Amino acid sequence: MVAIFTRKLDDSLVSLAKKLQGKLYENSAKQLRCFVVYITDEPAKFEEELAALAVKHRLRTLPLTVFDGVDGPQEIKLSPKAENTVLMWKGLQVKSNYAFGEGEMDENAVENLVLGLNAILE
């Protein structure tokens, strides 16, 4: 399972989402699951923006949703400094936890995240 919590909808996030969608298809037999959560204090405002983003980039099998509150779910304890947090787990064990500050999730980071899927696909 891969969860992406984001506070910014940008090209890097879209790039990661598209690559993860491809991995969902490639690893359907391994039951890989992924989703993106946009955390904001204005969820109603961004629901339409997420829907438009999904249509524009053909994100048909990767769920995109919003969470009401910029701190995110309390039980996950996201860093308030992280623009993007990516959690990967297998079963009940978190295998990887990546937090990216403002502008840190570049194309190199996206590629490393995709490579990091091996930790949960084995």
PDB file of N, CA and C in Angstrom:
ATOM      1  N   MET A   1       0.855  -1.174   0.000  1.00  0.00           N
ATOM      2  CA  MET A   1       0.000   0.000   0.000  1.00  0.00           C
ATOM      3  C   MET A   1       0.896   1.230   0.000  1.00  0.00           C
ATOM      4  N   VAL A   2       0.509   2.211  -0.795  1.00  0.00           N
ATOM      5  CA  VAL A   2       1.225   3.483  -0.859  1.00  0.00           C
ATOM      6  C   VAL A   2       0.213   4.603  -0.631  1.00  0.00           C
ATOM      7  N   ALA A   3       0.533   5.475   0.303  1.00  0.00           N
ATOM      8  CA  ALA A   3      -0.303   6.645   0.569  1.00  0.00           C
ATOM      9  C   ALA A   3       0.554   7.887   0.384  1.00  0.00           C
ATOM     10  N   ILE A   4       0.027   8.839  -0.372  1.00  0.00           N
ATOM     11  CA  ILE A   4       0.704  10.118  -0.573  1.00  0.00           C
ATOM     12  C   ILE A   4      -0.164  11.195   0.058  1.00  0.00           C
ATOM     13  N   PHE A   5       0.392  11.893   1.022  1.00  0.00           N
ATOM     14  CA  PHE A   5      -0.282  13.034   1.637  1.00  0.00           C
ATOM     15  C   PHE A   5       0.417  14.277   1.129  1.00  0.00           C
ATOM     16  N   THR A   6      -0.345  15.189   0.548  1.00  0.00           N
ATOM     17  CA  THR A   6       0.261  16.368  -0.062  1.00  0.00           C
ATOM     18  C   THR A   6      -0.458  17.642   0.349  1.00  0.00           C
ATOM     19  N   ARG A   7       0.312  18.702   0.372  1.00  0.00           N
ATOM     20  CA  ARG A   7      -0.240  20.025   0.627  1.00  0.00           C
ATOM     21  C   ARG A   7      -0.144  20.900  -0.620  1.00  0.00           C
ATOM     22  N   LYS A   8       0.332  20.306  -1.725  1.00  0.00           N
ATOM     23  CA  LYS A   8       0.512  21.079  -2.954  1.00  0.00           C
ATOM     24  C   LYS A   8       0.277  20.181  -4.168  1.00  0.00           C
ATOM     25  N   LEU A   9      -0.553  20.663  -5.087  1.00  0.00           N
ATOM     26  CA  LEU A   9      -0.798  19.951  -6.334  1.00  0.00           C
ATOM     27  C   LEU A   9       0.111  20.553  -7.398  1.00  0.00           C
ATOM     28  N   ASP A  10       1.209  19.864  -7.692  1.00  0.00           N
ATOM     29  CA  ASP A  10       2.163  20.395  -8.660  1.00  0.00           C
ATOM     30  C   ASP A  10       2.598  19.302  -9.638  1.00  0.00           C
ATOM     31  N   ASP A  11       3.507  19.644 -10.538  1.00  0.00           N
ATOM     32  CA  ASP A  11       3.953  18.713 -11.571  1.00  0.00           C
ATOM     33  C   ASP A  11       4.629  17.468 -10.991  1.00  0.00           C
ATOM     34  N   SER A  12       5.381  17.625  -9.901  1.00  0.00           N
ATOM     35  CA  SER A  12       6.049  16.473  -9.293  1.00  0.00           C
ATOM     36  C   SER A  12       5.032  15.482  -8.740  1.00  0.00           C
ATOM     37  N   LEU A  13       4.000  16.002  -8.117  1.00  0.00           N
ATOM     38  CA  LEU A  13       2.953  15.125  -7.601  1.00  0.00           C
ATOM     39  C   LEU A  13       2.259  14.395  -8.745  1.00  0.00           C
ATOM     40  N   VAL A  14       1.953  15.112  -9.813  1.00  0.00           N
ATOM     41  CA  VAL A  14       1.309  14.500 -10.977  1.00  0.00           C
ATOM     42  C   VAL A  14       2.218  13.435 -11.580  1.00  0.00           C
ATOM     43  N   SER A  15       3.498  13.715 -11.677  1.00  0.00           N
ATOM     44  CA  SER A  15       4.447  12.743 -12.210  1.00  0.00           C
ATOM     45  C   SER A  15       4.448  11.470 -11.372  1.00  0.00           C
ATOM     46  N   LEU A  16       4.515  11.626 -10.055  1.00  0.00           N
ATOM     47  CA  LEU A  16       4.496  10.465  -9.168  1.00  0.00           C
ATOM     48  C   LEU A  16       3.175   9.713  -9.299  1.00  0.00           C
ATOM     49  N   ALA A  17       2.069  10.424  -9.325  1.00  0.00           N
ATOM     50  CA  ALA A  17       0.760   9.789  -9.439  1.00  0.00           C
ATOM     51  C   ALA A  17       0.649   8.976 -10.731  1.00  0.00           C
ATOM     52  N   LYS A  18       1.129   9.520 -11.835  1.00  0.00           N
ATOM     53  CA  LYS A  18       1.059   8.807 -13.116  1.00  0.00           C
ATOM     54  C   LYS A  18       1.920   7.546 -13.085  1.00  0.00           C
ATOM     55  N   LYS A  19       3.101   7.654 -12.500  1.00  0.00           N
ATOM     56  CA  LYS A  19       3.982   6.484 -12.432  1.00  0.00           C
ATOM     57  C   LYS A  19       3.403   5.418 -11.505  1.00  0.00           C
ATOM     58  N   LEU A  20       2.802   5.844 -10.403  1.00  0.00           N
ATOM     59  CA  LEU A  20       2.187   4.880  -9.504  1.00  0.00           C
ATOM     60  C   LEU A  20       0.987   4.204 -10.155  1.00  0.00           C
ATOM     61  N   GLN A  21       0.229   4.947 -10.928  1.00  0.00           N
ATOM     62  CA  GLN A  21      -0.895   4.344 -11.634  1.00  0.00           C
ATOM     63  C   GLN A  21      -0.399   3.239 -12.569  1.00  0.00           C
ATOM     64  N   GLY A  22       0.710   3.483 -13.253  1.00  0.00           N
ATOM     65  CA  GLY A  22       1.300   2.449 -14.109  1.00  0.00           C
ATOM     66  C   GLY A  22       1.722   1.231 -13.308  1.00  0.00           C
ATOM     67  N   LYS A  23       2.274   1.468 -12.133  1.00  0.00           N
ATOM     68  CA  LYS A  23       2.704   0.360 -11.266  1.00  0.00           C
ATOM     69  C   LYS A  23       1.501  -0.420 -10.715  1.00  0.00           C
ATOM     70  N   LEU A  24       0.385   0.265 -10.507  1.00  0.00           N
ATOM     71  CA  LEU A  24      -0.829  -0.432 -10.071  1.00  0.00           C
ATOM     72  C   LEU A  24      -1.222  -1.484 -11.098  1.00  0.00           C
ATOM     73  N   TYR A  25      -1.187  -1.092 -12.360  1.00  0.00           N
ATOM     74  CA  TYR A  25      -1.548  -2.006 -13.434  1.00  0.00           C
ATOM     75  C   TYR A  25      -0.545  -3.160 -13.516  1.00  0.00           C
ATOM     76  N   GLU A  26       0.747  -2.823 -13.494  1.00  0.00           N
ATOM     77  CA  GLU A  26       1.796  -3.846 -13.613  1.00  0.00           C
ATOM     78  C   GLU A  26       1.772  -4.843 -12.460  1.00  0.00           C
ATOM     79  N   ASN A  27       1.346  -4.407 -11.293  1.00  0.00           N
ATOM     80  CA  ASN A  27       1.420  -5.245 -10.092  1.00  0.00           C
ATOM     81  C   ASN A  27       0.049  -5.611  -9.543  1.00  0.00           C
ATOM     82  N   SER A  28      -0.926  -5.687 -10.414  1.00  0.00           N
ATOM     83  CA  SER A  28      -2.277  -6.006  -9.949  1.00  0.00           C
ATOM     84  C   SER A  28      -2.335  -7.386  -9.294  1.00  0.00           C
ATOM     85  N   ALA A  29      -1.525  -8.326  -9.754  1.00  0.00           N
ATOM     86  CA  ALA A  29      -1.510  -9.660  -9.152  1.00  0.00           C
ATOM     87  C   ALA A  29      -0.961  -9.622  -7.724  1.00  0.00           C
ATOM     88  N   LYS A  30      -0.149  -8.634  -7.419  1.00  0.00           N
ATOM     89  CA  LYS A  30       0.422  -8.492  -6.070  1.00  0.00           C
ATOM     90  C   LYS A  30      -0.449  -7.614  -5.183  1.00  0.00           C
ATOM     91  N   GLN A  31      -1.578  -7.198  -5.702  1.00  0.00           N
ATOM     92  CA  GLN A  31      -2.551  -6.377  -4.993  1.00  0.00           C
ATOM     93  C   GLN A  31      -1.959  -5.064  -4.467  1.00  0.00           C
ATOM     94  N   LEU A  32      -1.132  -4.427  -5.276  1.00  0.00           N
ATOM     95  CA  LEU A  32      -0.613  -3.102  -4.926  1.00  0.00           C
ATOM     96  C   LEU A  32      -1.765  -2.117  -4.919  1.00  0.00           C
ATOM     97  N   ARG A  33      -1.827  -1.294  -3.900  1.00  0.00           N
ATOM     98  CA  ARG A  33      -2.837  -0.253  -3.780  1.00  0.00           C
ATOM     99  C   ARG A  33      -2.151   1.066  -3.479  1.00  0.00           C
ATOM    100  N   CYS A  34      -2.670   2.140  -4.066  1.00  0.00           N
ATOM    101  CA  CYS A  34      -2.122   3.480  -3.862  1.00  0.00           C
ATOM    102  C   CYS A  34      -3.269   4.479  -3.806  1.00  0.00           C
ATOM    103  N   PHE A  35      -3.026   5.590  -3.107  1.00  0.00           N
ATOM    104  CA  PHE A  35      -3.981   6.687  -3.111  1.00  0.00           C
ATOM    105  C   PHE A  35      -3.272   7.983  -2.749  1.00  0.00           C
ATOM    106  N   VAL A  36      -3.888   9.099  -3.157  1.00  0.00           N
ATOM    107  CA  VAL A  36      -3.357  10.432  -2.896  1.00  0.00           C
ATOM    108  C   VAL A  36      -4.373  11.196  -2.054  1.00  0.00           C
ATOM    109  N   VAL A  37      -3.884  11.847  -0.999  1.00  0.00           N
ATOM    110  CA  VAL A  37      -4.740  12.643  -0.125  1.00  0.00           C
ATOM    111  C   VAL A  37      -4.215  14.074  -0.108  1.00  0.00           C
ATOM    112  N   TYR A  38      -5.044  15.002  -0.563  1.00  0.00           N
ATOM    113  CA  TYR A  38      -4.701  16.427  -0.507  1.00  0.00           C
ATOM    114  C   TYR A  38      -5.217  16.959   0.818  1.00  0.00           C
ATOM    115  N   ILE A  39      -4.317  17.450   1.660  1.00  0.00           N
ATOM    116  CA  ILE A  39      -4.726  17.950   2.969  1.00  0.00           C
ATOM    117  C   ILE A  39      -4.844  19.471   2.913  1.00  0.00           C
ATOM    118  N   THR A  40      -6.019  19.942   3.324  1.00  0.00           N
ATOM    119  CA  THR A  40      -6.340  21.357   3.192  1.00  0.00           C
ATOM    120  C   THR A  40      -7.421  21.756   4.199  1.00  0.00           C
ATOM    121  N   ASP A  41      -7.475  23.031   4.502  1.00  0.00           N
ATOM    122  CA  ASP A  41      -8.554  23.556   5.340  1.00  0.00           C
ATOM    123  C   ASP A  41      -9.796  23.890   4.521  1.00  0.00           C
ATOM    124  N   GLU A  42      -9.705  23.752   3.203  1.00  0.00           N
ATOM    125  CA  GLU A  42     -10.825  24.062   2.317  1.00  0.00           C
ATOM    126  C   GLU A  42     -11.120  22.877   1.387  1.00  0.00           C
ATOM    127  N   PRO A  43     -11.564  21.749   1.934  1.00  0.00           N
ATOM    128  CA  PRO A  43     -11.746  20.553   1.101  1.00  0.00           C
ATOM    129  C   PRO A  43     -12.753  20.735  -0.034  1.00  0.00           C
ATOM    130  N   ALA A  44     -13.844  21.426   0.213  1.00  0.00           N
ATOM    131  CA  ALA A  44     -14.856  21.604  -0.836  1.00  0.00           C
ATOM    132  C   ALA A  44     -14.275  22.356  -2.027  1.00  0.00           C
ATOM    133  N   LYS A  45     -13.416  23.313  -1.762  1.00  0.00           N
ATOM    134  CA  LYS A  45     -12.807  24.115  -2.822  1.00  0.00           C
ATOM    135  C   LYS A  45     -11.920  23.260  -3.728  1.00  0.00           C
ATOM    136  N   PHE A  46     -11.257  22.258  -3.165  1.00  0.00           N
ATOM    137  CA  PHE A  46     -10.289  21.493  -3.943  1.00  0.00           C
ATOM    138  C   PHE A  46     -10.808  20.174  -4.488  1.00  0.00           C
ATOM    139  N   GLU A  47     -12.020  19.770  -4.125  1.00  0.00           N
ATOM    140  CA  GLU A  47     -12.578  18.538  -4.679  1.00  0.00           C
ATOM    141  C   GLU A  47     -12.700  18.628  -6.197  1.00  0.00           C
ATOM    142  N   GLU A  48     -13.210  19.758  -6.681  1.00  0.00           N
ATOM    143  CA  GLU A  48     -13.340  19.934  -8.129  1.00  0.00           C
ATOM    144  C   GLU A  48     -11.979  20.006  -8.807  1.00  0.00           C
ATOM    145  N   GLU A  49     -11.016  20.652  -8.162  1.00  0.00           N
ATOM    146  CA  GLU A  49      -9.665  20.748  -8.735  1.00  0.00           C
ATOM    147  C   GLU A  49      -9.035  19.358  -8.849  1.00  0.00           C
ATOM    148  N   LEU A  50      -9.226  18.522  -7.848  1.00  0.00           N
ATOM    149  CA  LEU A  50      -8.710  17.150  -7.913  1.00  0.00           C
ATOM    150  C   LEU A  50      -9.389  16.357  -9.019  1.00  0.00           C
ATOM    151  N   ALA A  51     -10.691  16.526  -9.149  1.00  0.00           N
ATOM    152  CA  ALA A  51     -11.425  15.826 -10.215  1.00  0.00           C
ATOM    153  C   ALA A  51     -10.916  16.253 -11.587  1.00  0.00           C
ATOM    154  N   ALA A  52     -10.681  17.543 -11.760  1.00  0.00           N
ATOM    155  CA  ALA A  52     -10.165  18.051 -13.033  1.00  0.00           C
ATOM    156  C   ALA A  52      -8.750  17.534 -13.289  1.00  0.00           C
ATOM    157  N   LEU A  53      -7.941  17.462 -12.248  1.00  0.00           N
ATOM    158  CA  LEU A  53      -6.577  16.949 -12.371  1.00  0.00           C
ATOM    159  C   LEU A  53      -6.603  15.488 -12.807  1.00  0.00           C
ATOM    160  N   ALA A  54      -7.510  14.711 -12.221  1.00  0.00           N
ATOM    161  CA  ALA A  54      -7.633  13.296 -12.581  1.00  0.00           C
ATOM    162  C   ALA A  54      -8.036  13.129 -14.042  1.00  0.00           C
ATOM    163  N   VAL A  55      -8.965  13.941 -14.507  1.00  0.00           N
ATOM    164  CA  VAL A  55      -9.403  13.863 -15.901  1.00  0.00           C
ATOM    165  C   VAL A  55      -8.275  14.301 -16.831  1.00  0.00           C
ATOM    166  N   LYS A  56      -7.662  15.417 -16.534  1.00  0.00           N
ATOM    167  CA  LYS A  56      -6.607  15.964 -17.394  1.00  0.00           C
ATOM    168  C   LYS A  56      -5.442  14.989 -17.571  1.00  0.00           C
ATOM    169  N   HIS A  57      -5.072  14.299 -16.492  1.00  0.00           N
ATOM    170  CA  HIS A  57      -3.901  13.424 -16.541  1.00  0.00           C
ATOM    171  C   HIS A  57      -4.267  11.940 -16.610  1.00  0.00           C
ATOM    172  N   ARG A  58      -5.545  11.674 -16.850  1.00  0.00           N
ATOM    173  CA  ARG A  58      -6.049  10.310 -17.025  1.00  0.00           C
ATOM    174  C   ARG A  58      -5.706   9.402 -15.842  1.00  0.00           C
ATOM    175  N   LEU A  59      -5.898   9.924 -14.660  1.00  0.00           N
ATOM    176  CA  LEU A  59      -5.680   9.145 -13.446  1.00  0.00           C
ATOM    177  C   LEU A  59      -6.989   8.445 -13.098  1.00  0.00           C
ATOM    178  N   ARG A  60      -7.210   7.323 -13.759  1.00  0.00           N
ATOM    179  CA  ARG A  60      -8.495   6.629 -13.653  1.00  0.00           C
ATOM    180  C   ARG A  60      -8.533   5.601 -12.523  1.00  0.00           C
ATOM    181  N   THR A  61      -7.394   4.995 -12.218  1.00  0.00           N
ATOM    182  CA  THR A  61      -7.389   3.923 -11.216  1.00  0.00           C
ATOM    183  C   THR A  61      -6.672   4.317  -9.928  1.00  0.00           C
ATOM    184  N   LEU A  62      -6.185   5.530  -9.855  1.00  0.00           N
ATOM    185  CA  LEU A  62      -5.498   6.014  -8.651  1.00  0.00           C
ATOM    186  C   LEU A  62      -6.425   6.972  -7.917  1.00  0.00           C
ATOM    187  N   PRO A  63      -6.951   6.555  -6.765  1.00  0.00           N
ATOM    188  CA  PRO A  63      -7.873   7.429  -6.034  1.00  0.00           C
ATOM    189  C   PRO A  63      -7.205   8.722  -5.553  1.00  0.00           C
ATOM    190  N   LEU A  64      -7.911   9.829  -5.752  1.00  0.00           N
ATOM    191  CA  LEU A  64      -7.485  11.140  -5.270  1.00  0.00           C
ATOM    192  C   LEU A  64      -8.585  11.642  -4.345  1.00  0.00           C
ATOM    193  N   THR A  65      -8.209  12.109  -3.171  1.00  0.00           N
ATOM    194  CA  THR A  65      -9.215  12.578  -2.227  1.00  0.00           C
ATOM    195  C   THR A  65      -8.671  13.764  -1.431  1.00  0.00           C
ATOM    196  N   VAL A  66      -9.535  14.372  -0.644  1.00  0.00           N
ATOM    197  CA  VAL A  66      -9.121  15.496   0.207  1.00  0.00           C
ATOM    198  C   VAL A  66      -9.363  15.134   1.669  1.00  0.00           C
ATOM    199  N   PHE A  67      -8.581  15.758   2.533  1.00  0.00           N
ATOM    200  CA  PHE A  67      -8.744  15.618   3.970  1.00  0.00           C
ATOM    201  C   PHE A  67      -8.925  17.006   4.556  1.00  0.00           C
ATOM    202  N   ASP A  68      -9.909  17.163   5.389  1.00  0.00           N
ATOM    203  CA  ASP A  68     -10.207  18.455   6.003  1.00  0.00           C
ATOM    204  C   ASP A  68      -9.274  18.683   7.192  1.00  0.00           C
ATOM    205  N   GLY A  69      -8.285  19.551   6.976  1.00  0.00           N
ATOM    206  CA  GLY A  69      -7.326  19.902   8.021  1.00  0.00           C
ATOM    207  C   GLY A  69      -5.906  19.810   7.506  1.00  0.00           C
ATOM    208  N   VAL A  70      -5.166  20.898   7.559  1.00  0.00           N
ATOM    209  CA  VAL A  70      -3.800  20.927   7.007  1.00  0.00           C
ATOM    210  C   VAL A  70      -2.815  20.085   7.800  1.00  0.00           C
ATOM    211  N   ASP A  71      -3.192  19.635   8.989  1.00  0.00           N
ATOM    212  CA  ASP A  71      -2.297  18.775   9.766  1.00  0.00           C
ATOM    213  C   ASP A  71      -2.416  17.313   9.351  1.00  0.00           C
ATOM    214  N   GLY A  72      -3.466  16.993   8.593  1.00  0.00           N
ATOM    215  CA  GLY A  72      -3.678  15.618   8.179  1.00  0.00           C
ATOM    216  C   GLY A  72      -4.245  14.785   9.314  1.00  0.00           C
ATOM    217  N   PRO A  73      -4.438  13.503   9.065  1.00  0.00           N
ATOM    218  CA  PRO A  73      -4.975  12.618  10.105  1.00  0.00           C
ATOM    219  C   PRO A  73      -4.047  12.584  11.324  1.00  0.00           C
ATOM    220  N   GLN A  74      -4.595  12.803  12.509  1.00  0.00           N
ATOM    221  CA  GLN A  74      -3.786  12.876  13.727  1.00  0.00           C
ATOM    222  C   GLN A  74      -2.997  11.597  13.990  1.00  0.00           C
ATOM    223  N   GLU A  75      -3.591  10.438  13.685  1.00  0.00           N
ATOM    224  CA  GLU A  75      -2.912   9.172  13.969  1.00  0.00           C
ATOM    225  C   GLU A  75      -1.690   8.933  13.091  1.00  0.00           C
ATOM    226  N   ILE A  76      -1.556   9.677  11.993  1.00  0.00           N
ATOM    227  CA  ILE A  76      -0.398   9.501  11.115  1.00  0.00           C
ATOM    228  C   ILE A  76       0.741  10.439  11.498  1.00  0.00           C
ATOM    229  N   LYS A  77       0.456  11.531  12.126  1.00  0.00           N
ATOM    230  CA  LYS A  77       1.466  12.473  12.623  1.00  0.00           C
ATOM    231  C   LYS A  77       2.402  12.960  11.511  1.00  0.00           C
ATOM    232  N   LEU A  78       1.815  13.605  10.512  1.00  0.00           N
ATOM    233  CA  LEU A  78       2.592  14.162   9.408  1.00  0.00           C
ATOM    234  C   LEU A  78       3.397  15.361   9.895  1.00  0.00           C
ATOM    235  N   SER A  79       4.576  15.520   9.342  1.00  0.00           N
ATOM    236  CA  SER A  79       5.393  16.676   9.688  1.00  0.00           C
ATOM    237  C   SER A  79       4.724  17.935   9.133  1.00  0.00           C
ATOM    238  N   PRO A  80       4.597  18.980   9.961  1.00  0.00           N
ATOM    239  CA  PRO A  80       3.991  20.218   9.454  1.00  0.00           C
ATOM    240  C   PRO A  80       4.866  20.914   8.410  1.00  0.00           C
ATOM    241  N   LYS A  81       6.148  20.536   8.339  1.00  0.00           N
ATOM    242  CA  LYS A  81       7.068  21.130   7.364  1.00  0.00           C
ATOM    243  C   LYS A  81       7.072  20.394   6.030  1.00  0.00           C
ATOM    244  N   ALA A  82       6.469  19.218   5.997  1.00  0.00           N
ATOM    245  CA  ALA A  82       6.483  18.402   4.777  1.00  0.00           C
ATOM    246  C   ALA A  82       5.401  18.850   3.810  1.00  0.00           C
ATOM    247  N   GLU A  83       5.824  19.123   2.587  1.00  0.00           N
ATOM    248  CA  GLU A  83       4.877  19.430   1.518  1.00  0.00           C
ATOM    249  C   GLU A  83       4.252  18.134   0.992  1.00  0.00           C
ATOM    250  N   ASN A  84       5.064  17.076   0.969  1.00  0.00           N
ATOM    251  CA  ASN A  84       4.614  15.761   0.530  1.00  0.00           C
ATOM    252  C   ASN A  84       5.160  14.703   1.488  1.00  0.00           C
ATOM    253  N   THR A  85       4.313  13.771   1.867  1.00  0.00           N
ATOM    254  CA  THR A  85       4.726  12.631   2.678  1.00  0.00           C
ATOM    255  C   THR A  85       4.244  11.381   1.965  1.00  0.00           C
ATOM    256  N   VAL A  86       5.156  10.430   1.774  1.00  0.00           N
ATOM    257  CA  VAL A  86       4.823   9.184   1.093  1.00  0.00           C
ATOM    258  C   VAL A  86       5.095   8.039   2.068  1.00  0.00           C
ATOM    259  N   LEU A  87       4.060   7.276   2.335  1.00  0.00           N
ATOM    260  CA  LEU A  87       4.165   6.113   3.221  1.00  0.00           C
ATOM    261  C   LEU A  87       3.955   4.852   2.399  1.00  0.00           C
ATOM    262  N   MET A  88       4.820   3.862   2.612  1.00  0.00           N
ATOM    263  CA  MET A  88       4.678   2.572   1.942  1.00  0.00           C
ATOM    264  C   MET A  88       4.669   1.503   3.013  1.00  0.00           C
ATOM    265  N   TRP A  89       3.644   0.642   2.967  1.00  0.00           N
ATOM    266  CA  TRP A  89       3.616  -0.425   3.946  1.00  0.00           C
ATOM    267  C   TRP A  89       3.151  -1.716   3.319  1.00  0.00           C
ATOM    268  N   LYS A  90       3.517  -2.787   4.006  1.00  0.00           N
ATOM    269  CA  LYS A  90       3.127  -4.136   3.591  1.00  0.00           C
ATOM    270  C   LYS A  90       2.515  -4.803   4.809  1.00  0.00           C
ATOM    271  N   GLY A  91       1.315  -5.300   4.653  1.00  0.00           N
ATOM    272  CA  GLY A  91       0.605  -5.837   5.810  1.00  0.00           C
ATOM    273  C   GLY A  91       0.363  -4.705   6.790  1.00  0.00           C
ATOM    274  N   LEU A  92       0.784  -4.873   8.021  1.00  0.00           N
ATOM    275  CA  LEU A  92       0.624  -3.837   9.034  1.00  0.00           C
ATOM    276  C   LEU A  92       1.931  -3.112   9.348  1.00  0.00           C
ATOM    277  N   GLN A  93       2.969  -3.380   8.576  1.00  0.00           N
ATOM    278  CA  GLN A  93       4.281  -2.798   8.862  1.00  0.00           C
ATOM    279  C   GLN A  93       4.660  -1.730   7.833  1.00  0.00           C
ATOM    280  N   VAL A  94       4.960  -0.530   8.328  1.00  0.00           N
ATOM    281  CA  VAL A  94       5.451   0.534   7.455  1.00  0.00           C
ATOM    282  C   VAL A  94       6.866   0.174   7.028  1.00  0.00           C
ATOM    283  N   LYS A  95       7.088   0.113   5.729  1.00  0.00           N
ATOM    284  CA  LYS A  95       8.405  -0.224   5.195  1.00  0.00           C
ATOM    285  C   LYS A  95       9.211   1.026   4.861  1.00  0.00           C
ATOM    286  N   SER A  96       8.512   2.104   4.449  1.00  0.00           N
ATOM    287  CA  SER A  96       9.194   3.343   4.066  1.00  0.00           C
ATOM    288  C   SER A  96       8.323   4.534   4.425  1.00  0.00           C
ATOM    289  N   ASN A  97       8.989   5.607   4.848  1.00  0.00           N
ATOM    290  CA  ASN A  97       8.307   6.851   5.190  1.00  0.00           C
ATOM    291  C   ASN A  97       9.186   7.983   4.671  1.00  0.00           C
ATOM    292  N   TYR A  98       8.711   8.682   3.659  1.00  0.00           N
ATOM    293  CA  TYR A  98       9.472   9.774   3.052  1.00  0.00           C
ATOM    294  C   TYR A  98       8.726  11.089   3.271  1.00  0.00           C
ATOM    295  N   ALA A  99       9.443  12.096   3.719  1.00  0.00           N
ATOM    296  CA  ALA A  99       8.851  13.428   3.879  1.00  0.00           C
ATOM    297  C   ALA A  99       9.688  14.412   3.073  1.00  0.00           C
ATOM    298  N   PHE A 100       9.018  15.211   2.261  1.00  0.00           N
ATOM    299  CA  PHE A 100       9.695  16.176   1.394  1.00  0.00           C
ATOM    300  C   PHE A 100       9.238  17.582   1.754  1.00  0.00           C
ATOM    301  N   GLY A 101      10.198  18.454   2.023  1.00  0.00           N
ATOM    302  CA  GLY A 101       9.889  19.851   2.277  1.00  0.00           C
ATOM    303  C   GLY A 101       9.527  20.558   0.981  1.00  0.00           C
ATOM    304  N   GLU A 102       9.295  21.832   1.071  1.00  0.00           N
ATOM    305  CA  GLU A 102       8.880  22.619  -0.088  1.00  0.00           C
ATOM    306  C   GLU A 102       9.885  22.489  -1.231  1.00  0.00           C
ATOM    307  N   GLY A 103       9.393  22.032  -2.384  1.00  0.00           N
ATOM    308  CA  GLY A 103      10.212  21.913  -3.592  1.00  0.00           C
ATOM    309  C   GLY A 103      11.197  20.763  -3.600  1.00  0.00           C
ATOM    310  N   GLU A 104      11.223  19.921  -2.582  1.00  0.00           N
ATOM    311  CA  GLU A 104      12.198  18.829  -2.513  1.00  0.00           C
ATOM    312  C   GLU A 104      11.812  17.598  -3.328  1.00  0.00           C
ATOM    313  N   MET A 105      10.535  17.430  -3.631  1.00  0.00           N
ATOM    314  CA  MET A 105      10.129  16.251  -4.395  1.00  0.00           C
ATOM    315  C   MET A 105      10.285  16.545  -5.884  1.00  0.00           C
ATOM    316  N   ASP A 106      11.523  16.419  -6.357  1.00  0.00           N
ATOM    317  CA  ASP A 106      11.817  16.654  -7.764  1.00  0.00           C
ATOM    318  C   ASP A 106      11.742  15.339  -8.537  1.00  0.00           C
ATOM    319  N   GLU A 107      12.105  15.371  -9.803  1.00  0.00           N
ATOM    320  CA  GLU A 107      12.002  14.180 -10.648  1.00  0.00           C
ATOM    321  C   GLU A 107      12.892  13.044 -10.144  1.00  0.00           C
ATOM    322  N   ASN A 108      14.058  13.381  -9.608  1.00  0.00           N
ATOM    323  CA  ASN A 108      14.950  12.365  -9.047  1.00  0.00           C
ATOM    324  C   ASN A 108      14.294  11.685  -7.844  1.00  0.00           C
ATOM    325  N   ALA A 109      13.671  12.465  -6.992  1.00  0.00           N
ATOM    326  CA  ALA A 109      12.966  11.906  -5.836  1.00  0.00           C
ATOM    327  C   ALA A 109      11.814  11.018  -6.284  1.00  0.00           C
ATOM    328  N   VAL A 110      11.096  11.436  -7.314  1.00  0.00           N
ATOM    329  CA  VAL A 110       9.983  10.634  -7.840  1.00  0.00           C
ATOM    330  C   VAL A 110      10.505   9.281  -8.327  1.00  0.00           C
ATOM    331  N   GLU A 111      11.595   9.286  -9.058  1.00  0.00           N
ATOM    332  CA  GLU A 111      12.180   8.031  -9.559  1.00  0.00           C
ATOM    333  C   GLU A 111      12.597   7.131  -8.400  1.00  0.00           C
ATOM    334  N   ASN A 112      13.191   7.713  -7.363  1.00  0.00           N
ATOM    335  CA  ASN A 112      13.608   6.921  -6.204  1.00  0.00           C
ATOM    336  C   ASN A 112      12.405   6.339  -5.462  1.00  0.00           C
ATOM    337  N   LEU A 113      11.305   7.091  -5.403  1.00  0.00           N
ATOM    338  CA  LEU A 113      10.097   6.568  -4.774  1.00  0.00           C
ATOM    339  C   LEU A 113       9.553   5.371  -5.543  1.00  0.00           C
ATOM    340  N   VAL A 114       9.549   5.469  -6.860  1.00  0.00           N
ATOM    341  CA  VAL A 114       9.057   4.358  -7.686  1.00  0.00           C
ATOM    342  C   VAL A 114       9.950   3.134  -7.484  1.00  0.00           C
ATOM    343  N   LEU A 115      11.258   3.353  -7.425  1.00  0.00           N
ATOM    344  CA  LEU A 115      12.183   2.238  -7.167  1.00  0.00           C
ATOM    345  C   LEU A 115      11.945   1.666  -5.772  1.00  0.00           C
ATOM    346  N   GLY A 116      11.568   2.497  -4.837  1.00  0.00           N
ATOM    347  CA  GLY A 116      11.325   2.068  -3.466  1.00  0.00           C
ATOM    348  C   GLY A 116      10.126   1.145  -3.315  1.00  0.00           C
ATOM    349  N   LEU A 117       9.300   1.063  -4.340  1.00  0.00           N
ATOM    350  CA  LEU A 117       8.158   0.147  -4.296  1.00  0.00           C
ATOM    351  C   LEU A 117       8.604  -1.310  -4.110  1.00  0.00           C
ATOM    352  N   ASN A 118       9.831  -1.604  -4.513  1.00  0.00           N
ATOM    353  CA  ASN A 118      10.326  -2.981  -4.368  1.00  0.00           C
ATOM    354  C   ASN A 118      10.260  -3.460  -2.924  1.00  0.00           C
ATOM    355  N   ALA A 119      10.386  -2.540  -1.968  1.00  0.00           N
ATOM    356  CA  ALA A 119      10.354  -2.918  -0.552  1.00  0.00           C
ATOM    357  C   ALA A 119       8.998  -3.491  -0.141  1.00  0.00           C
ATOM    358  N   ILE A 120       7.945  -3.122  -0.838  1.00  0.00           N
ATOM    359  CA  ILE A 120       6.622  -3.634  -0.466  1.00  0.00           C
ATOM    360  C   ILE A 120       6.082  -4.645  -1.475  1.00  0.00           C
ATOM    361  N   LEU A 121       6.770  -4.811  -2.580  1.00  0.00           N
ATOM    362  CA  LEU A 121       6.298  -5.764  -3.600  1.00  0.00           C
ATOM    363  C   LEU A 121       6.952  -7.136  -3.478  1.00  0.00           C
ATOM    364  N   GLU A 122       7.991  -7.257  -2.674  1.00  0.00           N
ATOM    365  CA  GLU A 122       8.710  -8.536  -2.541  1.00  0.00           C
ATOM    366  C   GLU A 122       7.939  -9.526  -1.707  1.00  0.00           C
TER     367      GLU A 122
END
